[in-house]
N, C-alpha and C. Protein backbone atom coordinates (compact mmCIF):
# COMPACT_ATOMS: atom_id res chain seq x y z
N MET A 1 3.70 9.05 73.98
CA MET A 1 3.80 8.36 72.70
C MET A 1 3.01 7.05 72.73
N ALA A 2 2.63 6.64 71.57
CA ALA A 2 1.75 5.48 71.46
C ALA A 2 2.50 4.15 71.27
N HIS A 3 1.86 3.06 71.51
CA HIS A 3 2.41 1.73 71.19
C HIS A 3 1.73 1.34 69.91
N VAL A 4 2.49 1.12 68.85
CA VAL A 4 1.99 0.77 67.55
C VAL A 4 2.50 -0.56 67.11
N ALA A 5 1.60 -1.46 66.70
CA ALA A 5 1.98 -2.75 66.05
C ALA A 5 1.97 -2.53 64.58
N VAL A 6 2.98 -3.00 63.84
CA VAL A 6 2.97 -2.91 62.40
C VAL A 6 3.25 -4.32 61.83
N PHE A 7 2.31 -4.73 60.94
CA PHE A 7 2.39 -6.03 60.32
C PHE A 7 2.79 -5.89 58.89
N GLY A 8 3.88 -6.60 58.51
CA GLY A 8 4.29 -6.68 57.07
C GLY A 8 5.51 -5.69 56.97
N MET A 9 6.74 -6.28 56.83
CA MET A 9 7.97 -5.51 56.72
C MET A 9 8.48 -5.48 55.29
N GLY A 10 7.51 -5.34 54.37
CA GLY A 10 7.94 -5.18 52.93
C GLY A 10 8.35 -3.76 52.67
N ALA A 11 8.30 -3.41 51.42
CA ALA A 11 8.75 -2.04 50.97
C ALA A 11 8.08 -0.89 51.74
N MET A 12 6.80 -1.04 51.96
CA MET A 12 6.04 0.06 52.64
C MET A 12 5.97 -0.12 54.14
N GLY A 13 5.66 -1.31 54.61
CA GLY A 13 5.50 -1.56 56.03
C GLY A 13 6.77 -1.24 56.81
N SER A 14 7.94 -1.60 56.28
CA SER A 14 9.24 -1.40 56.95
C SER A 14 9.48 0.15 57.05
N ARG A 15 9.12 0.89 56.05
CA ARG A 15 9.30 2.33 56.09
C ARG A 15 8.36 2.99 57.07
N ILE A 16 7.15 2.52 57.13
CA ILE A 16 6.17 2.99 58.08
C ILE A 16 6.65 2.73 59.49
N ALA A 17 7.10 1.53 59.77
CA ALA A 17 7.63 1.23 61.11
C ALA A 17 8.82 2.08 61.48
N MET A 18 9.72 2.34 60.53
CA MET A 18 10.92 3.18 60.80
C MET A 18 10.50 4.60 61.13
N LEU A 19 9.57 5.16 60.40
CA LEU A 19 9.07 6.48 60.67
C LEU A 19 8.43 6.60 62.05
N LEU A 20 7.71 5.58 62.41
CA LEU A 20 7.09 5.61 63.76
C LEU A 20 8.17 5.54 64.86
N LEU A 21 9.20 4.73 64.64
CA LEU A 21 10.30 4.67 65.59
C LEU A 21 11.00 6.05 65.71
N LYS A 22 11.27 6.66 64.53
CA LYS A 22 11.95 7.93 64.52
C LYS A 22 11.14 9.05 65.24
N ALA A 23 9.80 8.88 65.19
CA ALA A 23 8.91 9.83 65.84
C ALA A 23 8.83 9.54 67.38
N GLY A 24 9.47 8.51 67.89
CA GLY A 24 9.48 8.21 69.29
C GLY A 24 8.41 7.27 69.80
N HIS A 25 7.63 6.63 68.86
CA HIS A 25 6.66 5.67 69.28
C HIS A 25 7.25 4.35 69.69
N ARG A 26 6.60 3.63 70.55
CA ARG A 26 6.99 2.28 70.86
C ARG A 26 6.41 1.40 69.74
N VAL A 27 7.25 0.61 69.06
CA VAL A 27 6.79 -0.14 67.83
C VAL A 27 7.14 -1.63 68.04
N THR A 28 6.08 -2.41 67.82
CA THR A 28 6.29 -3.88 67.83
C THR A 28 5.92 -4.35 66.39
N ILE A 29 6.78 -5.17 65.81
CA ILE A 29 6.58 -5.52 64.43
C ILE A 29 6.42 -7.02 64.30
N TRP A 30 5.77 -7.44 63.21
CA TRP A 30 5.65 -8.87 62.85
C TRP A 30 5.80 -8.99 61.37
N ASN A 31 6.51 -10.02 60.94
CA ASN A 31 6.67 -10.32 59.48
C ASN A 31 6.75 -11.85 59.38
N ARG A 32 6.26 -12.35 58.30
CA ARG A 32 6.33 -13.80 58.08
C ARG A 32 7.78 -14.28 58.06
N SER A 33 8.69 -13.57 57.45
CA SER A 33 10.11 -13.96 57.45
C SER A 33 10.90 -13.05 58.38
N ILE A 34 11.43 -13.59 59.37
CA ILE A 34 12.04 -12.86 60.48
C ILE A 34 13.25 -12.04 60.01
N GLU A 35 13.99 -12.51 59.01
CA GLU A 35 15.21 -11.79 58.57
C GLU A 35 14.91 -10.31 58.14
N LYS A 36 13.73 -10.09 57.63
CA LYS A 36 13.36 -8.70 57.23
C LYS A 36 13.19 -7.78 58.40
N THR A 37 13.16 -8.24 59.58
CA THR A 37 12.95 -7.40 60.72
C THR A 37 14.24 -6.83 61.31
N ALA A 38 15.38 -7.42 60.93
CA ALA A 38 16.69 -7.03 61.53
C ALA A 38 16.95 -5.52 61.50
N PRO A 39 16.81 -4.78 60.41
CA PRO A 39 17.06 -3.34 60.47
C PRO A 39 16.18 -2.56 61.44
N LEU A 40 14.99 -3.04 61.61
CA LEU A 40 14.05 -2.37 62.49
C LEU A 40 14.36 -2.67 63.94
N VAL A 41 14.80 -3.92 64.21
CA VAL A 41 15.24 -4.23 65.54
C VAL A 41 16.43 -3.40 65.97
N ALA A 42 17.38 -3.25 65.01
CA ALA A 42 18.58 -2.39 65.26
C ALA A 42 18.17 -0.94 65.56
N ALA A 43 17.03 -0.51 64.99
CA ALA A 43 16.55 0.83 65.23
C ALA A 43 15.69 0.99 66.48
N GLY A 44 15.39 -0.15 67.13
CA GLY A 44 14.67 -0.08 68.36
C GLY A 44 13.27 -0.76 68.45
N ALA A 45 12.88 -1.40 67.34
CA ALA A 45 11.59 -2.09 67.32
C ALA A 45 11.66 -3.38 68.12
N ASN A 46 10.55 -3.81 68.61
CA ASN A 46 10.41 -5.14 69.20
C ASN A 46 9.81 -6.04 68.15
N VAL A 47 10.23 -7.27 68.17
CA VAL A 47 9.68 -8.26 67.19
C VAL A 47 8.81 -9.28 67.95
N ALA A 48 7.67 -9.57 67.35
CA ALA A 48 6.81 -10.59 67.95
C ALA A 48 6.79 -11.79 67.06
N ASP A 49 6.44 -12.94 67.65
CA ASP A 49 6.46 -14.18 66.91
C ASP A 49 5.10 -14.45 66.19
N THR A 50 4.08 -13.70 66.59
CA THR A 50 2.73 -13.84 65.92
C THR A 50 2.09 -12.47 65.85
N PRO A 51 1.17 -12.24 64.96
CA PRO A 51 0.39 -10.98 64.99
C PRO A 51 -0.28 -10.77 66.29
N CYS A 52 -0.82 -11.81 66.88
CA CYS A 52 -1.53 -11.72 68.18
C CYS A 52 -0.64 -11.12 69.23
N SER A 53 0.62 -11.67 69.34
CA SER A 53 1.50 -11.16 70.38
C SER A 53 2.01 -9.72 70.01
N ALA A 54 2.17 -9.43 68.77
CA ALA A 54 2.56 -8.01 68.34
C ALA A 54 1.42 -7.03 68.74
N ALA A 55 0.14 -7.43 68.66
CA ALA A 55 -0.93 -6.57 68.95
C ALA A 55 -1.24 -6.37 70.44
N HIS A 56 -0.68 -7.25 71.26
CA HIS A 56 -0.88 -7.25 72.73
C HIS A 56 -0.49 -5.87 73.25
N ASN A 57 -1.39 -5.20 73.92
CA ASN A 57 -1.21 -3.85 74.50
C ASN A 57 -0.95 -2.72 73.55
N ALA A 58 -1.20 -2.94 72.23
CA ALA A 58 -1.02 -1.86 71.25
C ALA A 58 -2.19 -0.89 71.36
N ASP A 59 -1.86 0.37 71.06
CA ASP A 59 -2.89 1.37 70.93
C ASP A 59 -3.45 1.43 69.52
N PHE A 60 -2.57 1.17 68.59
CA PHE A 60 -2.86 1.11 67.16
C PHE A 60 -2.20 -0.07 66.55
N ALA A 61 -2.84 -0.65 65.49
CA ALA A 61 -2.26 -1.80 64.79
C ALA A 61 -2.43 -1.53 63.33
N ILE A 62 -1.28 -1.50 62.55
CA ILE A 62 -1.34 -1.16 61.19
C ILE A 62 -0.86 -2.35 60.36
N SER A 63 -1.64 -2.73 59.38
CA SER A 63 -1.26 -3.79 58.46
C SER A 63 -0.91 -3.18 57.07
N MET A 64 0.18 -3.59 56.47
CA MET A 64 0.57 -3.15 55.11
C MET A 64 1.16 -4.35 54.38
N VAL A 65 0.28 -5.13 53.79
CA VAL A 65 0.68 -6.34 53.15
C VAL A 65 0.16 -6.39 51.69
N ARG A 66 0.40 -7.51 50.94
CA ARG A 66 0.12 -7.51 49.49
C ARG A 66 -1.35 -7.70 49.05
N ASP A 67 -2.18 -8.36 49.87
CA ASP A 67 -3.50 -8.66 49.30
C ASP A 67 -4.42 -9.13 50.45
N ASP A 68 -5.69 -9.41 50.01
CA ASP A 68 -6.72 -9.89 50.96
C ASP A 68 -6.26 -11.08 51.78
N ASP A 69 -5.63 -12.10 51.11
CA ASP A 69 -5.30 -13.32 51.80
C ASP A 69 -4.22 -13.04 52.89
N ALA A 70 -3.18 -12.26 52.57
CA ALA A 70 -2.17 -11.96 53.51
C ALA A 70 -2.79 -11.17 54.70
N SER A 71 -3.62 -10.22 54.41
CA SER A 71 -4.29 -9.43 55.47
C SER A 71 -5.10 -10.32 56.35
N ARG A 72 -5.86 -11.19 55.73
CA ARG A 72 -6.77 -12.13 56.49
C ARG A 72 -5.94 -12.96 57.42
N GLN A 73 -4.82 -13.46 56.99
CA GLN A 73 -3.98 -14.27 57.87
C GLN A 73 -3.45 -13.48 59.04
N ILE A 74 -3.14 -12.21 58.85
CA ILE A 74 -2.67 -11.34 59.97
C ILE A 74 -3.77 -11.06 60.96
N TRP A 75 -4.93 -10.65 60.50
CA TRP A 75 -5.94 -10.19 61.42
C TRP A 75 -6.78 -11.36 61.96
N LEU A 76 -7.15 -12.31 61.13
CA LEU A 76 -8.26 -13.21 61.47
C LEU A 76 -7.90 -14.68 61.85
N THR A 77 -6.66 -15.05 61.74
CA THR A 77 -6.28 -16.39 62.07
C THR A 77 -6.61 -16.70 63.51
N ASP A 78 -7.28 -17.82 63.78
CA ASP A 78 -7.66 -18.23 65.18
C ASP A 78 -6.40 -18.26 66.00
N LYS A 79 -6.47 -17.72 67.17
CA LYS A 79 -5.51 -17.75 68.24
C LYS A 79 -4.21 -16.99 67.98
N THR A 80 -3.76 -16.85 66.76
CA THR A 80 -2.48 -16.16 66.43
C THR A 80 -2.75 -14.84 65.70
N GLY A 81 -4.02 -14.58 65.24
CA GLY A 81 -4.31 -13.34 64.55
C GLY A 81 -4.31 -12.13 65.41
N ALA A 82 -4.09 -10.98 64.79
CA ALA A 82 -3.95 -9.71 65.56
C ALA A 82 -5.25 -9.40 66.35
N LEU A 83 -6.38 -9.71 65.76
CA LEU A 83 -7.66 -9.35 66.51
C LEU A 83 -7.73 -10.08 67.82
N ALA A 84 -7.14 -11.26 67.90
CA ALA A 84 -7.19 -12.01 69.15
C ALA A 84 -6.33 -11.36 70.26
N GLY A 85 -5.38 -10.50 69.86
CA GLY A 85 -4.50 -9.87 70.84
C GLY A 85 -4.75 -8.38 71.10
N LEU A 86 -5.53 -7.76 70.16
CA LEU A 86 -5.73 -6.31 70.39
C LEU A 86 -6.60 -5.98 71.57
N PRO A 87 -6.18 -5.09 72.41
CA PRO A 87 -7.11 -4.67 73.50
C PRO A 87 -8.27 -3.85 72.96
N ARG A 88 -9.37 -3.72 73.69
CA ARG A 88 -10.57 -3.06 73.18
C ARG A 88 -10.37 -1.59 72.92
N HIS A 89 -9.41 -0.96 73.57
CA HIS A 89 -9.17 0.49 73.31
C HIS A 89 -8.40 0.74 72.03
N ALA A 90 -7.81 -0.30 71.45
CA ALA A 90 -7.00 -0.15 70.28
C ALA A 90 -7.77 0.13 69.01
N ILE A 91 -7.13 0.61 67.99
CA ILE A 91 -7.73 0.83 66.69
C ILE A 91 -6.97 0.02 65.68
N ALA A 92 -7.72 -0.78 64.93
CA ALA A 92 -7.14 -1.58 63.80
C ALA A 92 -7.14 -0.69 62.56
N ILE A 93 -5.99 -0.70 61.84
CA ILE A 93 -5.82 0.13 60.67
C ILE A 93 -5.35 -0.74 59.55
N GLU A 94 -6.14 -0.89 58.50
CA GLU A 94 -5.71 -1.71 57.35
C GLU A 94 -5.29 -0.72 56.23
N SER A 95 -3.96 -0.77 55.92
CA SER A 95 -3.42 0.13 54.94
C SER A 95 -3.06 -0.58 53.64
N SER A 96 -3.26 -1.91 53.56
CA SER A 96 -2.98 -2.64 52.35
C SER A 96 -4.00 -2.30 51.25
N THR A 97 -3.59 -2.54 50.05
CA THR A 97 -4.50 -2.35 48.90
C THR A 97 -5.26 -3.66 48.75
N VAL A 98 -6.50 -3.66 49.26
CA VAL A 98 -7.32 -4.84 49.29
C VAL A 98 -8.71 -4.52 48.73
N THR A 99 -9.57 -5.55 48.60
CA THR A 99 -10.86 -5.37 48.03
C THR A 99 -11.84 -4.68 49.05
N VAL A 100 -12.80 -4.02 48.54
CA VAL A 100 -13.83 -3.39 49.36
C VAL A 100 -14.60 -4.44 50.13
N SER A 101 -14.92 -5.57 49.50
CA SER A 101 -15.71 -6.59 50.17
C SER A 101 -14.88 -7.16 51.39
N TYR A 102 -13.64 -7.33 51.19
CA TYR A 102 -12.75 -7.82 52.32
C TYR A 102 -12.74 -6.76 53.41
N ILE A 103 -12.63 -5.51 53.05
CA ILE A 103 -12.62 -4.42 54.08
C ILE A 103 -13.90 -4.48 54.93
N HIS A 104 -15.05 -4.70 54.29
CA HIS A 104 -16.30 -4.75 55.05
C HIS A 104 -16.28 -6.01 56.00
N ALA A 105 -15.76 -7.12 55.52
CA ALA A 105 -15.69 -8.33 56.37
C ALA A 105 -14.75 -8.11 57.52
N LEU A 106 -13.60 -7.49 57.30
CA LEU A 106 -12.71 -7.17 58.39
C LEU A 106 -13.28 -6.19 59.38
N ASN A 107 -14.04 -5.19 58.91
CA ASN A 107 -14.71 -4.26 59.81
C ASN A 107 -15.71 -5.02 60.70
N GLN A 108 -16.46 -5.95 60.13
CA GLN A 108 -17.43 -6.70 60.89
C GLN A 108 -16.76 -7.54 61.93
N ALA A 109 -15.61 -8.14 61.62
CA ALA A 109 -14.83 -8.96 62.56
C ALA A 109 -14.31 -8.08 63.71
N CYS A 110 -13.84 -6.88 63.39
CA CYS A 110 -13.42 -5.94 64.39
C CYS A 110 -14.60 -5.51 65.30
N ALA A 111 -15.76 -5.19 64.77
CA ALA A 111 -16.88 -4.85 65.47
C ALA A 111 -17.38 -5.89 66.43
N ALA A 112 -17.24 -7.15 65.96
CA ALA A 112 -17.70 -8.29 66.79
C ALA A 112 -16.81 -8.42 68.04
N ARG A 113 -15.59 -7.89 67.99
CA ARG A 113 -14.71 -7.95 69.12
C ARG A 113 -14.65 -6.60 69.86
N GLY A 114 -15.47 -5.65 69.42
CA GLY A 114 -15.53 -4.34 70.09
C GLY A 114 -14.32 -3.46 69.80
N ILE A 115 -13.69 -3.67 68.67
CA ILE A 115 -12.41 -2.91 68.27
C ILE A 115 -12.79 -1.95 67.12
N ALA A 116 -12.38 -0.74 67.26
CA ALA A 116 -12.60 0.31 66.20
C ALA A 116 -11.72 -0.01 65.01
N PHE A 117 -12.17 0.30 63.82
CA PHE A 117 -11.50 -0.02 62.60
C PHE A 117 -11.52 1.16 61.64
N ILE A 118 -10.40 1.27 60.92
CA ILE A 118 -10.29 2.29 59.82
C ILE A 118 -9.66 1.59 58.63
N ASP A 119 -10.19 1.77 57.44
CA ASP A 119 -9.44 1.38 56.25
C ASP A 119 -8.70 2.58 55.77
N ALA A 120 -7.41 2.42 55.65
CA ALA A 120 -6.47 3.53 55.41
C ALA A 120 -5.41 3.26 54.37
N PRO A 121 -5.82 2.96 53.12
CA PRO A 121 -4.79 2.77 52.09
C PRO A 121 -4.08 4.05 51.79
N VAL A 122 -2.96 3.93 51.10
CA VAL A 122 -2.16 5.15 50.78
C VAL A 122 -1.98 5.34 49.30
N ALA A 123 -1.82 6.58 48.94
CA ALA A 123 -1.29 6.91 47.62
C ALA A 123 0.20 7.27 47.82
N GLY A 124 1.03 6.72 47.02
CA GLY A 124 2.47 6.97 47.20
C GLY A 124 3.20 5.61 47.22
N SER A 125 4.48 5.69 47.08
CA SER A 125 5.33 4.50 47.08
C SER A 125 6.53 4.71 47.96
N ARG A 126 7.63 3.98 47.69
CA ARG A 126 8.79 4.03 48.58
C ARG A 126 9.34 5.46 48.87
N PRO A 127 9.53 6.24 47.80
CA PRO A 127 10.12 7.55 48.11
C PRO A 127 9.15 8.44 49.01
N GLN A 128 7.89 8.35 48.80
CA GLN A 128 6.94 9.10 49.64
C GLN A 128 6.88 8.50 51.06
N ALA A 129 7.01 7.18 51.19
CA ALA A 129 7.03 6.59 52.49
C ALA A 129 8.31 7.06 53.25
N GLU A 130 9.45 7.03 52.58
CA GLU A 130 10.73 7.40 53.27
C GLU A 130 10.70 8.88 53.64
N ALA A 131 10.02 9.72 52.86
CA ALA A 131 9.95 11.18 53.17
C ALA A 131 8.73 11.51 54.07
N ALA A 132 8.01 10.60 54.53
CA ALA A 132 6.75 10.82 55.36
C ALA A 132 5.80 11.70 54.59
N GLN A 133 5.63 11.39 53.28
CA GLN A 133 4.74 12.16 52.39
C GLN A 133 3.68 11.30 51.77
N LEU A 134 3.29 10.18 52.38
CA LEU A 134 2.21 9.39 51.86
C LEU A 134 0.88 10.20 51.95
N ILE A 135 -0.02 9.79 51.16
CA ILE A 135 -1.39 10.43 51.21
C ILE A 135 -2.37 9.30 51.68
N TYR A 136 -2.92 9.51 52.84
CA TYR A 136 -3.86 8.54 53.44
C TYR A 136 -5.27 8.86 52.97
N LEU A 137 -5.98 7.76 52.61
CA LEU A 137 -7.38 7.83 52.24
C LEU A 137 -8.18 7.00 53.26
N LEU A 138 -8.83 7.70 54.22
CA LEU A 138 -9.43 6.96 55.35
C LEU A 138 -10.95 6.74 55.15
N GLY A 139 -11.35 5.47 55.37
CA GLY A 139 -12.73 5.12 55.45
C GLY A 139 -13.09 4.71 56.82
N GLY A 140 -14.06 5.36 57.41
CA GLY A 140 -14.46 4.95 58.78
C GLY A 140 -15.16 6.07 59.52
N ASP A 141 -15.52 5.78 60.74
CA ASP A 141 -16.24 6.72 61.62
C ASP A 141 -15.40 7.99 61.87
N ALA A 142 -15.99 9.12 61.84
CA ALA A 142 -15.28 10.41 62.04
C ALA A 142 -14.57 10.48 63.35
N GLY A 143 -15.16 9.93 64.40
CA GLY A 143 -14.51 9.96 65.72
C GLY A 143 -13.25 9.14 65.75
N THR A 144 -13.33 7.95 65.10
CA THR A 144 -12.15 7.08 65.04
C THR A 144 -11.05 7.70 64.16
N VAL A 145 -11.48 8.36 63.09
CA VAL A 145 -10.50 9.03 62.19
C VAL A 145 -9.78 10.04 63.00
N THR A 146 -10.45 10.83 63.81
CA THR A 146 -9.82 11.87 64.63
C THR A 146 -8.77 11.24 65.52
N LYS A 147 -9.02 10.06 66.06
CA LYS A 147 -8.05 9.35 67.00
C LYS A 147 -6.81 8.93 66.24
N VAL A 148 -6.95 8.45 64.93
CA VAL A 148 -5.82 7.88 64.23
C VAL A 148 -4.99 8.98 63.46
N GLU A 149 -5.61 10.15 63.28
CA GLU A 149 -4.88 11.21 62.57
C GLU A 149 -3.51 11.52 63.03
N PRO A 150 -3.31 11.70 64.36
CA PRO A 150 -1.92 12.04 64.84
C PRO A 150 -0.89 11.03 64.40
N ILE A 151 -1.23 9.74 64.50
CA ILE A 151 -0.32 8.68 64.14
C ILE A 151 -0.05 8.74 62.62
N LEU A 152 -1.09 8.82 61.85
CA LEU A 152 -0.96 8.79 60.34
C LEU A 152 -0.24 10.04 59.86
N LYS A 153 -0.40 11.17 60.52
CA LYS A 153 0.26 12.42 60.11
C LYS A 153 1.81 12.27 60.30
N THR A 154 2.23 11.39 61.17
CA THR A 154 3.65 11.09 61.33
C THR A 154 4.24 10.46 60.04
N LEU A 155 3.36 9.85 59.27
CA LEU A 155 3.75 9.12 58.10
C LEU A 155 3.44 9.73 56.77
N SER A 156 2.82 10.91 56.80
CA SER A 156 2.18 11.41 55.59
C SER A 156 2.26 12.89 55.44
N GLY A 157 1.98 13.32 54.18
CA GLY A 157 1.81 14.70 53.90
C GLY A 157 0.37 15.16 53.95
N ALA A 158 -0.57 14.14 53.89
CA ALA A 158 -1.94 14.46 53.88
C ALA A 158 -2.75 13.26 54.39
N VAL A 159 -3.78 13.56 55.15
CA VAL A 159 -4.76 12.51 55.62
C VAL A 159 -6.14 13.02 55.25
N HIS A 160 -6.83 12.27 54.41
CA HIS A 160 -8.18 12.57 53.99
C HIS A 160 -9.20 11.58 54.43
N HIS A 161 -10.25 12.03 55.12
CA HIS A 161 -11.33 11.18 55.47
C HIS A 161 -12.31 11.22 54.31
N VAL A 162 -12.47 10.09 53.63
CA VAL A 162 -13.23 10.07 52.37
C VAL A 162 -14.62 9.46 52.49
N GLY A 163 -14.96 9.01 53.69
CA GLY A 163 -16.30 8.43 53.89
C GLY A 163 -16.34 7.28 54.87
N PRO A 164 -17.37 6.51 54.85
CA PRO A 164 -17.49 5.40 55.79
C PRO A 164 -16.55 4.25 55.42
N VAL A 165 -16.46 3.25 56.30
CA VAL A 165 -15.59 2.09 56.03
C VAL A 165 -15.83 1.55 54.63
N GLY A 166 -14.76 1.32 53.90
CA GLY A 166 -14.79 0.85 52.54
C GLY A 166 -14.50 1.95 51.56
N SER A 167 -14.75 3.19 51.92
CA SER A 167 -14.48 4.36 51.05
C SER A 167 -13.03 4.50 50.72
N GLY A 168 -12.17 4.31 51.64
CA GLY A 168 -10.73 4.45 51.44
C GLY A 168 -10.28 3.39 50.40
N ALA A 169 -10.70 2.16 50.62
CA ALA A 169 -10.29 1.08 49.72
C ALA A 169 -10.86 1.33 48.31
N ALA A 170 -12.10 1.78 48.24
CA ALA A 170 -12.71 2.03 46.92
C ALA A 170 -12.00 3.13 46.15
N LEU A 171 -11.65 4.20 46.85
CA LEU A 171 -10.91 5.30 46.21
C LEU A 171 -9.51 4.88 45.80
N LYS A 172 -8.83 4.12 46.63
CA LYS A 172 -7.52 3.62 46.28
C LYS A 172 -7.55 2.75 45.00
N LEU A 173 -8.52 1.87 44.96
CA LEU A 173 -8.66 1.02 43.78
C LEU A 173 -9.01 1.84 42.54
N ALA A 174 -9.77 2.91 42.65
CA ALA A 174 -10.05 3.78 41.53
C ALA A 174 -8.81 4.51 41.05
N ILE A 175 -7.99 4.99 41.99
CA ILE A 175 -6.74 5.61 41.68
C ILE A 175 -5.80 4.66 40.96
N ASN A 176 -5.69 3.44 41.45
CA ASN A 176 -4.86 2.44 40.77
C ASN A 176 -5.35 2.16 39.39
N SER A 177 -6.71 2.14 39.16
CA SER A 177 -7.25 1.95 37.85
C SER A 177 -6.87 3.06 36.92
N LEU A 178 -6.94 4.28 37.37
CA LEU A 178 -6.52 5.46 36.58
C LEU A 178 -5.05 5.32 36.17
N PHE A 179 -4.19 4.89 37.09
CA PHE A 179 -2.80 4.71 36.77
C PHE A 179 -2.64 3.63 35.69
N GLY A 180 -3.39 2.54 35.82
CA GLY A 180 -3.33 1.43 34.81
C GLY A 180 -3.79 1.92 33.46
N VAL A 181 -4.79 2.74 33.42
CA VAL A 181 -5.28 3.31 32.14
C VAL A 181 -4.18 4.21 31.51
N GLN A 182 -3.54 5.02 32.33
CA GLN A 182 -2.51 5.92 31.85
C GLN A 182 -1.35 5.06 31.26
N VAL A 183 -0.95 3.98 31.88
CA VAL A 183 0.12 3.11 31.37
C VAL A 183 -0.32 2.51 30.01
N ALA A 184 -1.55 2.04 29.93
CA ALA A 184 -2.05 1.43 28.69
C ALA A 184 -2.07 2.50 27.55
N VAL A 185 -2.56 3.72 27.85
CA VAL A 185 -2.58 4.75 26.80
C VAL A 185 -1.17 5.10 26.36
N MET A 186 -0.26 5.21 27.32
CA MET A 186 1.12 5.51 26.97
C MET A 186 1.74 4.41 26.08
N ALA A 187 1.44 3.14 26.41
CA ALA A 187 1.94 2.10 25.60
C ALA A 187 1.37 2.13 24.16
N GLU A 188 0.14 2.48 24.06
CA GLU A 188 -0.48 2.64 22.73
C GLU A 188 0.13 3.80 21.96
N LEU A 189 0.39 4.91 22.66
CA LEU A 189 1.02 6.06 22.00
C LEU A 189 2.42 5.75 21.47
N ILE A 190 3.19 5.05 22.32
CA ILE A 190 4.54 4.65 21.92
C ILE A 190 4.52 3.70 20.73
N ALA A 191 3.57 2.72 20.81
CA ALA A 191 3.49 1.76 19.67
C ALA A 191 3.07 2.52 18.37
């Protein structure tokens, strides 16, 4: 089993961490507010005081937070960021819904440290996360995708490699735009 660091214990990150624990992986978690980690600690997760310490000795590191800024703080903060603690064999996985330009910057930061990177946003929400039925949209090198697939299949009903780094984020944003358009059309129809 793998050692997986998970950053962000919100609605999605906490469910991802729980599924990894149930699958028998060693899981280390980090969250800005420590109180959100209690249910996962009770289930067997280890809690770290910084993203850097959570990433120490991890095989995979997954971030699932709200935006570019939150992700940037997790991965790129000097001395306490996850990239400072990840070993070179590890793979960084960004699953947050973030901008394509940020994904490219994060990929460059990973490459500068010799760490493989995948952008891996998901389609699905809490019910799909709880049922391990998320749909992963992966952007990155095919060889790295092959390495992360077993971990991500633990969390999902489907894993799709959609192209190079940035492709996953771009497709996720396109899907979200389609949902937004549908809501706007429905509102107009109701009105």
